Every structure is written in C-alpha cells, then in structure tokens.
Amino acid sequence: MTEFITNSERETEQAGETFARSLPDGCVVAMYGELGSGKTAFVRGMAKGMGIDCRVSSPTFTIVNEYRGQRELIHFDMYRLHSGDELFDIGWEDYLRRGSVCAVEWSENVEDAFEGDEIIVRFEKTGDHSRRIVVEGGESLC
C-alpha cells in the first residue's frame, strides 16, 4: 500500500505523476472517490509521468479519452454507466488487448468487469483542498 497526502490540485497531479513513472503497460487503475476528490487531476499527473504531453480532461460525456505520447493512456469515466455489461458494450476487452494503461474513474459502477488484478486507487477529501490517496494492489505489476 502507498499513501499520498496532497494539499492542492497540483500536488494531486504530482502524486499521479510519481505513481505512473514506474507503472508498466497493460495495467488497469481502478479509481474510487466522490465527485471532486481529485481523480482527474491524478490522471493528468499520470499522463505526465508516462511521457504524454497533451491536455487531459474528464471523459464524463464521451466515456473514454485516449492519450498518446511515449506511451498510451486510456482514460475512462464510468459515471454514466451502471454495470460491467455496459463497459463491455463499449469495447472494454478491445481496450485491454491494446496493452495500454487504463485509468478508470467511478470504478464502483463497473466493478463486475474487473478481474481482480487491477491497481486500486482510493481518493478521500480531507479538507477543501487536501486529499488522502491510497494505492492498493499491483504487487504482481499488472
């Protein structure tokens, strides 16, 4: 288990960057946390840590955004989905086969689609700008 305590959006991005630097391709990062808890800021940092230099935004309305640079990051927002079946309907298995890092916001909505080898990242608001971010799993490095 790894824990980050952040006190600003920038620090949350830096935590994501640190986390992603050694993250191997093919990992699923399942993120849990309430609205505004820092999930998208963390993914922005992940992109930077993976050598991706582009604008990262929440795919709330598009469901998925793809970012390419030195590596590939596929960013999902499951807020509008209600089950793993809906995730499979948008091609989840095809995304997994690509061997990219898949970062999944609102994972609680599609938990039945996961195989149990994902890295879990939990976000907790501890103040207006402070967050506790706990990373669990990934011992087998995906």
Protein backbone atom coordinates (compact mmCIF):
# COMPACT_ATOMS: atom_id res chain seq x y z
CA MET A 1 0.00 0.00 0.00
CA THR A 2 1.18 3.50 -0.85
CA GLU A 3 -0.37 6.66 0.54
CA PHE A 4 -0.17 10.23 -0.72
CA ILE A 5 -1.39 13.25 1.24
CA THR A 6 -1.92 16.25 -1.02
CA ASN A 7 -2.89 19.83 -0.21
CA SER A 8 -3.61 21.22 -3.68
CA GLU A 9 -4.66 20.15 -7.15
CA ARG A 10 -1.03 20.50 -8.27
CA GLU A 11 0.15 18.16 -5.50
CA THR A 12 -2.51 15.64 -6.56
CA GLU A 13 -1.17 15.83 -10.12
CA GLN A 14 2.37 15.33 -8.79
CA ALA A 15 1.19 12.24 -6.89
CA GLY A 16 -0.25 10.84 -10.13
CA GLU A 17 3.00 11.59 -11.94
CA THR A 18 5.07 9.82 -9.29
CA PHE A 19 2.68 6.85 -9.30
CA ALA A 20 2.76 6.43 -13.10
CA ARG A 21 6.52 6.70 -13.67
CA SER A 22 7.08 3.03 -12.87
CA LEU A 23 3.66 1.78 -13.91
CA PRO A 24 4.01 -0.91 -16.58
CA ASP A 25 1.85 -1.00 -19.68
CA GLY A 26 -1.21 -3.23 -19.51
CA CYS A 27 -2.31 -2.14 -16.03
CA VAL A 28 -5.85 -1.26 -15.08
CA VAL A 29 -6.04 1.50 -12.49
CA ALA A 30 -9.46 1.41 -10.80
CA MET A 31 -10.20 4.73 -9.09
CA TYR A 32 -12.76 5.27 -6.36
CA GLY A 33 -13.81 8.54 -4.79
CA GLU A 34 -16.57 11.06 -4.61
CA LEU A 35 -17.10 13.87 -7.08
CA GLY A 36 -14.30 16.43 -6.84
CA SER A 37 -11.94 14.17 -4.92
CA GLY A 38 -9.05 14.53 -7.38
CA LYS A 39 -9.37 11.59 -9.77
CA THR A 40 -8.97 13.61 -12.98
CA ALA A 41 -6.11 15.67 -11.52
CA PHE A 42 -4.38 12.39 -10.64
CA VAL A 43 -4.85 11.15 -14.23
CA ARG A 44 -3.35 14.41 -15.56
CA GLY A 45 -0.30 13.62 -13.47
CA MET A 46 -0.28 10.02 -14.65
CA ALA A 47 -0.13 11.23 -18.25
CA LYS A 48 2.85 13.45 -17.47
CA GLY A 49 4.59 10.61 -15.63
CA MET A 50 4.07 8.40 -18.68
CA GLY A 51 5.65 10.94 -21.05
CA ILE A 52 2.36 12.13 -22.53
CA ASP A 53 2.20 15.85 -23.25
CA CYS A 54 -1.36 16.77 -24.09
CA ARG A 55 -4.46 18.25 -22.47
CA VAL A 56 -6.11 15.70 -20.16
CA SER A 57 -9.76 16.23 -19.25
CA SER A 58 -12.52 14.15 -17.75
CA PRO A 59 -14.31 11.96 -20.31
CA THR A 60 -17.62 12.27 -18.42
CA PHE A 61 -19.67 12.78 -21.58
CA THR A 62 -17.54 10.80 -24.03
CA ILE A 63 -16.90 7.87 -21.62
CA VAL A 64 -13.33 7.40 -22.88
CA ASN A 65 -10.39 9.59 -23.90
CA GLU A 66 -7.18 8.25 -25.40
CA TYR A 67 -3.83 9.94 -24.88
CA ARG A 68 -0.67 9.04 -26.76
CA GLY A 69 2.93 10.11 -26.32
CA GLN A 70 5.87 7.95 -25.35
CA ARG A 71 3.19 5.51 -24.12
CA GLU A 72 -0.60 5.22 -24.31
CA LEU A 73 -3.09 6.04 -21.56
CA ILE A 74 -6.78 5.29 -21.95
CA HIS A 75 -8.93 7.30 -19.53
CA PHE A 76 -12.44 6.07 -18.73
CA ASP A 77 -15.18 7.80 -16.77
CA MET A 78 -17.86 5.31 -15.73
CA TYR A 79 -20.11 7.87 -14.02
CA ARG A 80 -22.86 7.38 -16.61
CA LEU A 81 -22.61 3.57 -16.73
CA HIS A 82 -24.47 1.22 -14.42
CA SER A 83 -22.79 -2.16 -14.87
CA GLY A 84 -19.84 -4.00 -16.29
CA ASP A 85 -22.04 -5.17 -19.15
CA GLU A 86 -22.24 -1.60 -20.40
CA LEU A 87 -18.45 -1.36 -20.23
CA PHE A 88 -18.12 -4.50 -22.35
CA ASP A 89 -20.61 -2.96 -24.80
CA ILE A 90 -18.20 -0.09 -25.49
CA GLY A 91 -15.33 -2.48 -26.22
CA TRP A 92 -13.59 -2.93 -22.84
CA GLU A 93 -11.89 -6.16 -23.94
CA ASP A 94 -10.53 -4.46 -27.07
CA TYR A 95 -9.01 -1.68 -24.95
CA LEU A 96 -7.41 -4.24 -22.62
CA ARG A 97 -5.88 -6.14 -25.55
CA ARG A 98 -4.04 -3.00 -26.66
CA GLY A 99 -1.76 -3.28 -23.64
CA SER A 100 -2.14 0.36 -22.66
CA VAL A 101 -2.58 1.71 -19.15
CA CYS A 102 -6.32 2.01 -18.48
CA ALA A 103 -7.32 4.55 -15.82
CA VAL A 104 -10.96 4.09 -14.76
CA GLU A 105 -12.83 6.78 -12.82
CA TRP A 106 -16.03 5.77 -10.98
CA SER A 107 -14.92 2.14 -10.91
CA GLU A 108 -17.61 1.30 -8.37
CA ASN A 109 -20.14 1.46 -11.24
CA VAL A 110 -18.43 -1.33 -13.21
CA GLU A 111 -16.67 -3.46 -10.58
CA ASP A 112 -18.15 -6.63 -12.06
CA ALA A 113 -16.00 -6.09 -15.17
CA PHE A 114 -12.70 -6.27 -13.30
CA GLU A 115 -10.70 -9.46 -12.97
CA GLY A 116 -9.14 -8.76 -9.57
CA ASP A 117 -5.66 -7.82 -10.75
CA GLU A 118 -6.26 -4.10 -11.08
CA ILE A 119 -4.50 -1.45 -9.04
CA ILE A 120 -7.00 0.28 -6.77
CA VAL A 121 -6.64 3.98 -6.01
CA ARG A 122 -8.98 5.46 -3.39
CA PHE A 123 -9.46 9.21 -3.03
CA GLU A 124 -10.71 10.82 0.15
CA LYS A 125 -11.37 14.52 0.67
CA THR A 126 -9.83 15.57 3.96
CA GLY A 127 -10.42 19.31 3.52
CA ASP A 128 -11.30 21.89 0.89
CA HIS A 129 -8.04 21.27 -0.97
CA SER A 130 -6.48 18.33 0.84
CA ARG A 131 -6.76 14.70 -0.19
CA ARG A 132 -5.71 11.30 1.06
CA ILE A 133 -4.91 8.98 -1.85
CA VAL A 134 -4.34 5.30 -1.12
CA VAL A 135 -2.92 2.92 -3.74
CA GLU A 136 -3.50 -0.80 -3.21
CA GLY A 137 -2.65 -3.83 -5.31
CA GLY A 138 -0.43 -4.16 -8.29
CA GLU A 139 2.05 -6.29 -6.39
CA SER A 140 2.30 -8.51 -9.47
CA LEU A 141 2.80 -5.32 -11.54
CA CYS A 142 -0.34 -5.99 -13.52
